[in-house]
Amino acid sequence: MFNATENLTFISHQTTMENIQWRTGLRFLNEAARCLEEQIITSPTDGDIGAVFGLGFPPMKGGPFRFIDTYGVSNIVDLMNKHRNTYDERFAPTQLLVDMAKDNKKFYS
């Protein structure tokens, strides 16, 4: 017979609203960076405008690339790596973000 408790992996952490927001937000930010990395979009500005007007990204945050710059690329990469260690590879930062964090670069100057 199927025993659900034997087949599930439980992560010992407290699920908070902030944790849920970061879990969804980090995936979104990473995918935006991946779109730039894979040249699906041609610039951070294109990604920000598309996210605000097309996806409903909060306009006061300026779009995903502006948000990453404001919060700090290295801080975002650190959070992604923390979530990667807690959850799985879904949170692995793109090479673009890793390189930018290492070189202390921003999308906008």
C-alpha atoms as a PDB file:
ATOM      1  CA  MET A   1       0.000   0.000   0.000  1.00  0.00           C
ATOM      2  CA  PHE A   2       1.136   3.563  -0.730  1.00  0.00           C
ATOM      3  CA  ASN A   3       2.495   5.399   2.296  1.00  0.00           C
ATOM      4  CA  ALA A   4       2.648   9.125   1.575  1.00  0.00           C
ATOM      5  CA  THR A   5       4.947   9.936   4.473  1.00  0.00           C
ATOM      6  CA  GLU A   6       7.617   7.565   3.179  1.00  0.00           C
ATOM      7  CA  ASN A   7       7.558   9.073  -0.305  1.00  0.00           C
ATOM      8  CA  LEU A   8       7.631  12.759   0.527  1.00  0.00           C
ATOM      9  CA  THR A   9      10.645  14.842   1.406  1.00  0.00           C
ATOM     10  CA  PHE A  10       9.827  17.387   4.057  1.00  0.00           C
ATOM     11  CA  ILE A  11      11.912  20.518   4.246  1.00  0.00           C
ATOM     12  CA  SER A  12      12.343  21.782   7.762  1.00  0.00           C
ATOM     13  CA  HIS A  13      11.640  25.481   7.454  1.00  0.00           C
ATOM     14  CA  GLN A  14       8.828  27.794   8.324  1.00  0.00           C
ATOM     15  CA  THR A  15       6.685  28.829   5.394  1.00  0.00           C
ATOM     16  CA  THR A  16       6.122  32.553   5.679  1.00  0.00           C
ATOM     17  CA  MET A  17       4.618  35.076   3.311  1.00  0.00           C
ATOM     18  CA  GLU A  18       8.084  36.549   2.768  1.00  0.00           C
ATOM     19  CA  ASN A  19       9.532  33.124   1.964  1.00  0.00           C
ATOM     20  CA  ILE A  20       6.789  32.428  -0.566  1.00  0.00           C
ATOM     21  CA  GLN A  21       7.299  35.850  -2.162  1.00  0.00           C
ATOM     22  CA  TRP A  22      11.047  35.290  -2.516  1.00  0.00           C
ATOM     23  CA  ARG A  23      10.564  31.763  -3.850  1.00  0.00           C
ATOM     24  CA  THR A  24       8.308  32.962  -6.650  1.00  0.00           C
ATOM     25  CA  GLY A  25      10.151  36.246  -7.190  1.00  0.00           C
ATOM     26  CA  LEU A  26      13.607  34.689  -7.486  1.00  0.00           C
ATOM     27  CA  ARG A  27      12.397  32.287 -10.156  1.00  0.00           C
ATOM     28  CA  PHE A  28      10.897  35.211 -12.079  1.00  0.00           C
ATOM     29  CA  LEU A  29      14.075  37.297 -11.777  1.00  0.00           C
ATOM     30  CA  ASN A  30      16.205  34.370 -12.888  1.00  0.00           C
ATOM     31  CA  GLU A  31      14.025  33.742 -15.940  1.00  0.00           C
ATOM     32  CA  ALA A  32      14.215  37.421 -16.887  1.00  0.00           C
ATOM     33  CA  ALA A  33      18.018  37.221 -16.696  1.00  0.00           C
ATOM     34  CA  ARG A  34      17.939  33.994 -18.732  1.00  0.00           C
ATOM     35  CA  CYS A  35      15.908  35.748 -21.452  1.00  0.00           C
ATOM     36  CA  LEU A  36      18.613  38.415 -21.689  1.00  0.00           C
ATOM     37  CA  GLU A  37      21.397  35.822 -21.560  1.00  0.00           C
ATOM     38  CA  GLU A  38      19.808  33.804 -24.394  1.00  0.00           C
ATOM     39  CA  GLN A  39      19.091  36.993 -26.386  1.00  0.00           C
ATOM     40  CA  ILE A  40      15.332  36.512 -26.306  1.00  0.00           C
ATOM     41  CA  ILE A  41      15.235  40.161 -25.280  1.00  0.00           C
ATOM     42  CA  THR A  42      17.842  42.661 -26.461  1.00  0.00           C
ATOM     43  CA  SER A  43      18.237  44.834 -23.376  1.00  0.00           C
ATOM     44  CA  PRO A  44      17.309  45.121 -19.703  1.00  0.00           C
ATOM     45  CA  THR A  45      15.023  48.031 -20.639  1.00  0.00           C
ATOM     46  CA  ASP A  46      13.053  45.778 -23.001  1.00  0.00           C
ATOM     47  CA  GLY A  47      12.678  43.226 -20.209  1.00  0.00           C
ATOM     48  CA  ASP A  48      11.584  45.816 -17.664  1.00  0.00           C
ATOM     49  CA  ILE A  49       9.014  47.408 -19.968  1.00  0.00           C
ATOM     50  CA  GLY A  50       7.688  44.018 -21.058  1.00  0.00           C
ATOM     51  CA  ALA A  51       7.406  42.788 -17.477  1.00  0.00           C
ATOM     52  CA  VAL A  52       5.624  45.910 -16.238  1.00  0.00           C
ATOM     53  CA  PHE A  53       3.178  46.297 -19.130  1.00  0.00           C
ATOM     54  CA  GLY A  54       2.850  42.676 -20.212  1.00  0.00           C
ATOM     55  CA  LEU A  55       3.113  40.614 -17.033  1.00  0.00           C
ATOM     56  CA  GLY A  56       2.027  43.017 -14.324  1.00  0.00           C
ATOM     57  CA  PHE A  57       5.376  43.370 -12.582  1.00  0.00           C
ATOM     58  CA  PRO A  58       4.949  46.106  -9.944  1.00  0.00           C
ATOM     59  CA  PRO A  59       5.736  49.374 -11.764  1.00  0.00           C
ATOM     60  CA  MET A  60       7.105  50.985  -8.604  1.00  0.00           C
ATOM     61  CA  LYS A  61       9.854  48.338  -8.640  1.00  0.00           C
ATOM     62  CA  GLY A  62      10.821  49.327 -12.202  1.00  0.00           C
ATOM     63  CA  GLY A  63      10.849  45.830 -13.674  1.00  0.00           C
ATOM     64  CA  PRO A  64      12.957  42.765 -12.897  1.00  0.00           C
ATOM     65  CA  PHE A  65      16.295  44.212 -14.020  1.00  0.00           C
ATOM     66  CA  ARG A  66      15.836  47.477 -12.151  1.00  0.00           C
ATOM     67  CA  PHE A  67      14.782  45.472  -9.092  1.00  0.00           C
ATOM     68  CA  ILE A  68      17.930  43.314  -9.311  1.00  0.00           C
ATOM     69  CA  ASP A  69      20.093  46.436  -9.548  1.00  0.00           C
ATOM     70  CA  THR A  70      18.327  48.071  -6.608  1.00  0.00           C
ATOM     71  CA  TYR A  71      18.517  45.014  -4.367  1.00  0.00           C
ATOM     72  CA  GLY A  72      22.019  44.133  -5.549  1.00  0.00           C
ATOM     73  CA  VAL A  73      23.029  41.424  -8.007  1.00  0.00           C
ATOM     74  CA  SER A  74      25.240  39.711  -5.425  1.00  0.00           C
ATOM     75  CA  ASN A  75      22.389  39.748  -2.871  1.00  0.00           C
ATOM     76  CA  ILE A  76      20.040  38.158  -5.412  1.00  0.00           C
ATOM     77  CA  VAL A  77      22.629  35.515  -6.334  1.00  0.00           C
ATOM     78  CA  ASP A  78      23.210  34.775  -2.631  1.00  0.00           C
ATOM     79  CA  LEU A  79      19.471  34.338  -2.077  1.00  0.00           C
ATOM     80  CA  MET A  80      19.201  32.099  -5.131  1.00  0.00           C
ATOM     81  CA  ASN A  81      22.046  29.931  -3.881  1.00  0.00           C
ATOM     82  CA  LYS A  82      20.488  29.739  -0.414  1.00  0.00           C
ATOM     83  CA  HIS A  83      17.190  28.620  -1.949  1.00  0.00           C
ATOM     84  CA  ARG A  84      19.069  26.235  -4.239  1.00  0.00           C
ATOM     85  CA  ASN A  85      20.615  24.568  -1.188  1.00  0.00           C
ATOM     86  CA  THR A  86      17.274  24.422   0.633  1.00  0.00           C
ATOM     87  CA  TYR A  87      15.050  23.372  -2.258  1.00  0.00           C
ATOM     88  CA  ASP A  88      16.773  22.308  -5.468  1.00  0.00           C
ATOM     89  CA  GLU A  89      18.426  23.310  -8.732  1.00  0.00           C
ATOM     90  CA  ARG A  90      15.385  25.310  -9.844  1.00  0.00           C
ATOM     91  CA  PHE A  91      16.907  28.215  -7.949  1.00  0.00           C
ATOM     92  CA  ALA A  92      20.379  28.004  -9.515  1.00  0.00           C
ATOM     93  CA  PRO A  93      21.273  31.503 -10.770  1.00  0.00           C
ATOM     94  CA  THR A  94      22.012  31.993 -14.449  1.00  0.00           C
ATOM     95  CA  GLN A  95      25.634  32.346 -15.473  1.00  0.00           C
ATOM     96  CA  LEU A  96      24.932  35.976 -16.394  1.00  0.00           C
ATOM     97  CA  LEU A  97      23.926  36.788 -12.808  1.00  0.00           C
ATOM     98  CA  VAL A  98      26.856  34.833 -11.346  1.00  0.00           C
ATOM     99  CA  ASP A  99      29.322  36.687 -13.575  1.00  0.00           C
ATOM    100  CA  MET A 100      27.748  40.067 -12.831  1.00  0.00           C
ATOM    101  CA  ALA A 101      27.864  39.424  -9.078  1.00  0.00           C
ATOM    102  CA  LYS A 102      31.514  38.364  -9.299  1.00  0.00           C
ATOM    103  CA  ASP A 103      32.430  41.505 -11.262  1.00  0.00           C
ATOM    104  CA  ASN A 104      30.152  43.753  -9.174  1.00  0.00           C
ATOM    105  CA  LYS A 105      28.236  44.894 -12.271  1.00  0.00           C
ATOM    106  CA  LYS A 106      24.735  46.255 -12.724  1.00  0.00           C
ATOM    107  CA  PHE A 107      22.273  46.162 -15.584  1.00  0.00           C
ATOM    108  CA  TYR A 108      21.977  49.952 -15.502  1.00  0.00           C
ATOM    109  CA  SER A 109      24.843  52.316 -14.757  1.00  0.00           C
END
